[in-house]
Amino acid sequence: GTGCVKITPAHDFNDYEVGKRHALP
């Protein structure tokens, strides 16, 4: 795609791991 990915840690397992790495709410 465009190389830009939306991160939704509360609704996606991969995003959840990204969110933990960056301490995202």
PDB file of all heavy atoms in Angstrom:
ATOM      1  N   GLY A   1       0.819  -1.201   0.000  1.00  0.00           N
ATOM      2  CA  GLY A   1       0.000   0.000   0.000  1.00  0.00           C
ATOM      3  C   GLY A   1       0.855   1.253   0.000  1.00  0.00           C
ATOM      4  O   GLY A   1       1.825   1.377  -0.747  1.00  0.00           O
ATOM      5  N   THR A   2       0.488   2.186   0.872  1.00  0.00           N
ATOM      6  CA  THR A   2       1.207   3.460   0.934  1.00  0.00           C
ATOM      7  C   THR A   2       2.329   3.441   1.965  1.00  0.00           C
ATOM      8  O   THR A   2       3.065   4.421   2.108  1.00  0.00           O
ATOM      9  CB  THR A   2       0.228   4.596   1.308  1.00  0.00           C
ATOM     10  OG1 THR A   2      -0.319   4.339   2.617  1.00  0.00           O
ATOM     11  CG2 THR A   2      -0.904   4.694   0.290  1.00  0.00           C
ATOM     12  N   GLY A   3       2.447   2.332   2.720  1.00  0.00           N
ATOM     13  CA  GLY A   3       3.457   2.270   3.776  1.00  0.00           C
ATOM     14  C   GLY A   3       3.029   2.983   5.044  1.00  0.00           C
ATOM     15  O   GLY A   3       3.841   3.156   5.958  1.00  0.00           O
ATOM     16  N   CYS A   4       1.747   3.393   5.126  1.00  0.00           N
ATOM     17  CA  CYS A   4       1.195   4.025   6.330  1.00  0.00           C
ATOM     18  C   CYS A   4       0.086   3.113   6.876  1.00  0.00           C
ATOM     19  O   CYS A   4      -0.828   2.741   6.131  1.00  0.00           O
ATOM     20  CB  CYS A   4       0.599   5.394   6.019  1.00  0.00           C
ATOM     21  SG  CYS A   4       1.777   6.572   5.334  1.00  0.00           S
ATOM     22  N   VAL A   5       0.157   2.773   8.149  1.00  0.00           N
ATOM     23  CA  VAL A   5      -0.807   1.838   8.752  1.00  0.00           C
ATOM     24  C   VAL A   5      -1.475   2.497   9.952  1.00  0.00           C
ATOM     25  O   VAL A   5      -0.794   2.987  10.849  1.00  0.00           O
ATOM     26  CB  VAL A   5      -0.096   0.539   9.201  1.00  0.00           C
ATOM     27  CG1 VAL A   5      -1.094  -0.423   9.835  1.00  0.00           C
ATOM     28  CG2 VAL A   5       0.600  -0.126   8.015  1.00  0.00           C
ATOM     29  N   LYS A   6      -2.807   2.499   9.970  1.00  0.00           N
ATOM     30  CA  LYS A   6      -3.535   2.970  11.145  1.00  0.00           C
ATOM     31  C   LYS A   6      -3.387   1.936  12.264  1.00  0.00           C
ATOM     32  O   LYS A   6      -3.447   0.730  12.019  1.00  0.00           O
ATOM     33  CB  LYS A   6      -5.014   3.239  10.826  1.00  0.00           C
ATOM     34  CG  LYS A   6      -5.781   2.007  10.378  1.00  0.00           C
ATOM     35  CD  LYS A   6      -7.188   2.362   9.885  1.00  0.00           C
ATOM     36  CE  LYS A   6      -8.166   2.596  11.006  1.00  0.00           C
ATOM     37  NZ  LYS A   6      -8.357   1.452  11.897  1.00  0.00           N
ATOM     38  N   ILE A   7      -3.194   2.392  13.487  1.00  0.00           N
ATOM     39  CA  ILE A   7      -2.966   1.502  14.627  1.00  0.00           C
ATOM     40  C   ILE A   7      -4.134   1.634  15.607  1.00  0.00           C
ATOM     41  O   ILE A   7      -4.373   2.703  16.165  1.00  0.00           O
ATOM     42  CB  ILE A   7      -1.633   1.828  15.334  1.00  0.00           C
ATOM     43  CG1 ILE A   7      -0.468   1.720  14.343  1.00  0.00           C
ATOM     44  CG2 ILE A   7      -1.417   0.909  16.533  1.00  0.00           C
ATOM     45  CD1 ILE A   7      -0.269   0.322  13.740  1.00  0.00           C
ATOM     46  N   THR A   8      -4.853   0.519  15.793  1.00  0.00           N
ATOM     47  CA  THR A   8      -6.028   0.479  16.664  1.00  0.00           C
ATOM     48  C   THR A   8      -5.815  -0.623  17.699  1.00  0.00           C
ATOM     49  O   THR A   8      -6.315  -1.738  17.540  1.00  0.00           O
ATOM     50  CB  THR A   8      -7.307   0.217  15.835  1.00  0.00           C
ATOM     51  OG1 THR A   8      -7.304   1.052  14.677  1.00  0.00           O
ATOM     52  CG2 THR A   8      -8.557   0.484  16.641  1.00  0.00           C
ATOM     53  N   PRO A   9      -5.075  -0.357  18.768  1.00  0.00           N
ATOM     54  CA  PRO A   9      -4.662  -1.421  19.698  1.00  0.00           C
ATOM     55  C   PRO A   9      -5.806  -2.150  20.381  1.00  0.00           C
ATOM     56  O   PRO A   9      -5.649  -3.311  20.778  1.00  0.00           O
ATOM     57  CB  PRO A   9      -3.806  -0.670  20.732  1.00  0.00           C
ATOM     58  CG  PRO A   9      -3.375   0.583  20.051  1.00  0.00           C
ATOM     59  CD  PRO A   9      -4.505   0.940  19.140  1.00  0.00           C
ATOM     60  N   ALA A  10      -6.972  -1.501  20.527  1.00  0.00           N
ATOM     61  CA  ALA A  10      -8.077  -2.135  21.241  1.00  0.00           C
ATOM     62  C   ALA A  10      -8.913  -3.049  20.358  1.00  0.00           C
ATOM     63  O   ALA A  10      -9.818  -3.723  20.853  1.00  0.00           O
ATOM     64  CB  ALA A  10      -8.976  -1.068  21.874  1.00  0.00           C
ATOM     65  N   HIS A  11      -8.601  -3.120  19.034  1.00  0.00           N
ATOM     66  CA  HIS A  11      -9.457  -3.897  18.137  1.00  0.00           C
ATOM     67  C   HIS A  11      -8.684  -4.674  17.074  1.00  0.00           C
ATOM     68  O   HIS A  11      -9.253  -5.051  16.051  1.00  0.00           O
ATOM     69  CB  HIS A  11     -10.494  -2.977  17.479  1.00  0.00           C
ATOM     70  CG  HIS A  11     -11.425  -2.358  18.473  1.00  0.00           C
ATOM     71  ND1 HIS A  11     -12.443  -3.057  19.065  1.00  0.00           N
ATOM     72  CD2 HIS A  11     -11.443  -1.112  19.028  1.00  0.00           C
ATOM     73  CE1 HIS A  11     -13.078  -2.263  19.932  1.00  0.00           C
ATOM     74  NE2 HIS A  11     -12.482  -1.088  19.930  1.00  0.00           N
ATOM     75  N   ASP A  12      -7.399  -4.911  17.319  1.00  0.00           N
ATOM     76  CA  ASP A  12      -6.595  -5.684  16.369  1.00  0.00           C
ATOM     77  C   ASP A  12      -5.399  -6.261  17.120  1.00  0.00           C
ATOM     78  O   ASP A  12      -4.721  -5.540  17.856  1.00  0.00           O
ATOM     79  CB  ASP A  12      -6.123  -4.798  15.216  1.00  0.00           C
ATOM     80  CG  ASP A  12      -5.326  -5.565  14.179  1.00  0.00           C
ATOM     81  OD1 ASP A  12      -4.115  -5.759  14.385  1.00  0.00           O
ATOM     82  OD2 ASP A  12      -5.929  -5.984  13.178  1.00  0.00           O
ATOM     83  N   PHE A  13      -5.143  -7.559  16.937  1.00  0.00           N
ATOM     84  CA  PHE A  13      -4.084  -8.216  17.723  1.00  0.00           C
ATOM     85  C   PHE A  13      -2.688  -7.716  17.353  1.00  0.00           C
ATOM     86  O   PHE A  13      -1.834  -7.540  18.233  1.00  0.00           O
ATOM     87  CB  PHE A  13      -4.182  -9.744  17.562  1.00  0.00           C
ATOM     88  CG  PHE A  13      -5.347 -10.338  18.299  1.00  0.00           C
ATOM     89  CD1 PHE A  13      -6.517 -10.662  17.626  1.00  0.00           C
ATOM     90  CD2 PHE A  13      -5.289 -10.548  19.669  1.00  0.00           C
ATOM     91  CE1 PHE A  13      -7.606 -11.201  18.304  1.00  0.00           C
ATOM     92  CE2 PHE A  13      -6.370 -11.083  20.364  1.00  0.00           C
ATOM     93  CZ  PHE A  13      -7.528 -11.404  19.671  1.00  0.00           C
ATOM     94  N   ASN A  14      -2.434  -7.487  16.073  1.00  0.00           N
ATOM     95  CA  ASN A  14      -1.130  -6.947  15.679  1.00  0.00           C
ATOM     96  C   ASN A  14      -0.954  -5.521  16.189  1.00  0.00           C
ATOM     97  O   ASN A  14       0.108  -5.147  16.688  1.00  0.00           O
ATOM     98  CB  ASN A  14      -0.976  -6.983  14.152  1.00  0.00           C
ATOM     99  CG  ASN A  14      -0.857  -8.395  13.615  1.00  0.00           C
ATOM    100  OD1 ASN A  14      -0.216  -9.245  14.221  1.00  0.00           O
ATOM    101  ND2 ASN A  14      -1.498  -8.659  12.496  1.00  0.00           N
ATOM    102  N   ASP A  15      -2.013  -4.716  16.046  1.00  0.00           N
ATOM    103  CA  ASP A  15      -1.955  -3.333  16.531  1.00  0.00           C
ATOM    104  C   ASP A  15      -1.765  -3.289  18.044  1.00  0.00           C
ATOM    105  O   ASP A  15      -1.128  -2.364  18.578  1.00  0.00           O
ATOM    106  CB  ASP A  15      -3.238  -2.587  16.158  1.00  0.00           C
ATOM    107  CG  ASP A  15      -3.368  -2.350  14.657  1.00  0.00           C
ATOM    108  OD1 ASP A  15      -2.493  -2.835  13.904  1.00  0.00           O
ATOM    109  OD2 ASP A  15      -4.335  -1.706  14.230  1.00  0.00           O
ATOM    110  N   TYR A  16      -2.326  -4.271  18.737  1.00  0.00           N
ATOM    111  CA  TYR A  16      -2.188  -4.358  20.197  1.00  0.00           C
ATOM    112  C   TYR A  16      -0.714  -4.447  20.592  1.00  0.00           C
ATOM    113  O   TYR A  16      -0.252  -3.769  21.517  1.00  0.00           O
ATOM    114  CB  TYR A  16      -2.964  -5.576  20.690  1.00  0.00           C
ATOM    115  CG  TYR A  16      -2.922  -5.836  22.175  1.00  0.00           C
ATOM    116  CD1 TYR A  16      -3.604  -5.021  23.073  1.00  0.00           C
ATOM    117  CD2 TYR A  16      -2.223  -6.937  22.681  1.00  0.00           C
ATOM    118  CE1 TYR A  16      -3.589  -5.283  24.440  1.00  0.00           C
ATOM    119  CE2 TYR A  16      -2.197  -7.202  24.046  1.00  0.00           C
ATOM    120  CZ  TYR A  16      -2.887  -6.373  24.914  1.00  0.00           C
ATOM    121  OH  TYR A  16      -2.864  -6.635  26.258  1.00  0.00           O
ATOM    122  N   GLU A  17       0.046  -5.254  19.837  1.00  0.00           N
ATOM    123  CA  GLU A  17       1.481  -5.398  20.124  1.00  0.00           C
ATOM    124  C   GLU A  17       2.234  -4.101  19.794  1.00  0.00           C
ATOM    125  O   GLU A  17       3.133  -3.694  20.540  1.00  0.00           O
ATOM    126  CB  GLU A  17       2.068  -6.579  19.331  1.00  0.00           C
ATOM    127  CG  GLU A  17       1.485  -7.937  19.709  1.00  0.00           C
ATOM    128  CD  GLU A  17       1.692  -8.270  21.176  1.00  0.00           C
ATOM    129  OE1 GLU A  17       2.761  -7.907  21.736  1.00  0.00           O
ATOM    130  OE2 GLU A  17       0.789  -8.886  21.775  1.00  0.00           O
ATOM    131  N   VAL A  18       1.860  -3.454  18.681  1.00  0.00           N
ATOM    132  CA  VAL A  18       2.472  -2.167  18.338  1.00  0.00           C
ATOM    133  C   VAL A  18       2.170  -1.146  19.437  1.00  0.00           C
ATOM    134  O   VAL A  18       3.042  -0.389  19.876  1.00  0.00           O
ATOM    135  CB  VAL A  18       1.964  -1.647  16.975  1.00  0.00           C
ATOM    136  CG1 VAL A  18       2.519  -0.253  16.690  1.00  0.00           C
ATOM    137  CG2 VAL A  18       2.354  -2.609  15.849  1.00  0.00           C
ATOM    138  N   GLY A  19       0.931  -1.122  19.876  1.00  0.00           N
ATOM    139  CA  GLY A  19       0.521  -0.191  20.923  1.00  0.00           C
ATOM    140  C   GLY A  19       1.319  -0.374  22.202  1.00  0.00           C
ATOM    141  O   GLY A  19       1.715   0.615  22.849  1.00  0.00           O
ATOM    142  N   LYS A  20       1.585  -1.640  22.564  1.00  0.00           N
ATOM    143  CA  LYS A  20       2.382  -1.902  23.774  1.00  0.00           C
ATOM    144  C   LYS A  20       3.807  -1.378  23.610  1.00  0.00           C
ATOM    145  O   LYS A  20       4.378  -0.812  24.547  1.00  0.00           O
ATOM    146  CB  LYS A  20       2.388  -3.406  24.092  1.00  0.00           C
ATOM    147  CG  LYS A  20       1.094  -3.909  24.685  1.00  0.00           C
ATOM    148  CD  LYS A  20       1.247  -5.255  25.371  1.00  0.00           C
ATOM    149  CE  LYS A  20       1.595  -6.354  24.403  1.00  0.00           C
ATOM    150  NZ  LYS A  20       1.586  -7.687  25.060  1.00  0.00           N
ATOM    151  N   ARG A  21       4.372  -1.558  22.407  1.00  0.00           N
ATOM    152  CA  ARG A  21       5.751  -1.109  22.176  1.00  0.00           C
ATOM    153  C   ARG A  21       5.883   0.406  22.298  1.00  0.00           C
ATOM    154  O   ARG A  21       6.942   0.912  22.686  1.00  0.00           O
ATOM    155  CB  ARG A  21       6.241  -1.580  20.800  1.00  0.00           C
ATOM    156  CG  ARG A  21       6.538  -3.062  20.735  1.00  0.00           C
ATOM    157  CD  ARG A  21       7.361  -3.416  19.505  1.00  0.00           C
ATOM    158  NE  ARG A  21       6.637  -3.329  18.265  1.00  0.00           N
ATOM    159  CZ  ARG A  21       5.916  -4.318  17.732  1.00  0.00           C
ATOM    160  NH1 ARG A  21       5.799  -5.474  18.388  1.00  0.00           N
ATOM    161  NH2 ARG A  21       5.308  -4.169  16.570  1.00  0.00           N
ATOM    162  N   HIS A  22       4.829   1.129  21.943  1.00  0.00           N
ATOM    163  CA  HIS A  22       4.907   2.593  21.930  1.00  0.00           C
ATOM    164  C   HIS A  22       4.098   3.234  23.063  1.00  0.00           C
ATOM    165  O   HIS A  22       3.923   4.455  23.067  1.00  0.00           O
ATOM    166  CB  HIS A  22       4.432   3.119  20.572  1.00  0.00           C
ATOM    167  CG  HIS A  22       5.296   2.674  19.428  1.00  0.00           C
ATOM    168  ND1 HIS A  22       6.453   3.337  19.063  1.00  0.00           N
ATOM    169  CD2 HIS A  22       5.197   1.608  18.587  1.00  0.00           C
ATOM    170  CE1 HIS A  22       7.004   2.710  18.034  1.00  0.00           C
ATOM    171  NE2 HIS A  22       6.265   1.655  17.729  1.00  0.00           N
ATOM    172  N   ALA A  23       3.628   2.409  23.997  1.00  0.00           N
ATOM    173  CA  ALA A  23       2.861   2.896  25.153  1.00  0.00           C
ATOM    174  C   ALA A  23       1.687   3.776  24.713  1.00  0.00           C
ATOM    175  O   ALA A  23       1.430   4.837  25.281  1.00  0.00           O
ATOM    176  CB  ALA A  23       3.773   3.655  26.124  1.00  0.00           C
ATOM    177  N   LEU A  24       0.966   3.325  23.693  1.00  0.00           N
ATOM    178  CA  LEU A  24      -0.174   4.077  23.182  1.00  0.00           C
ATOM    179  C   LEU A  24      -1.420   3.794  24.016  1.00  0.00           C
ATOM    180  O   LEU A  24      -1.637   2.651  24.439  1.00  0.00           O
ATOM    181  CB  LEU A  24      -0.460   3.690  21.727  1.00  0.00           C
ATOM    182  CG  LEU A  24       0.637   3.962  20.703  1.00  0.00           C
ATOM    183  CD1 LEU A  24       0.264   3.333  19.365  1.00  0.00           C
ATOM    184  CD2 LEU A  24       0.860   5.470  20.539  1.00  0.00           C
ATOM    185  N   PRO A  25      -2.258   4.783  24.251  1.00  0.00           N
ATOM    186  CA  PRO A  25      -3.540   4.503  24.897  1.00  0.00           C
ATOM    187  C   PRO A  25      -4.388   3.625  23.976  1.00  0.00           C
ATOM    188  O   PRO A  25      -4.288   3.701  22.747  1.00  0.00           O
ATOM    189  CB  PRO A  25      -4.165   5.888  25.091  1.00  0.00           C
ATOM    190  CG  PRO A  25      -3.476   6.770  24.106  1.00  0.00           C
ATOM    191  CD  PRO A  25      -2.101   6.207  23.917  1.00  0.00           C
TER     192      PRO A  25
END
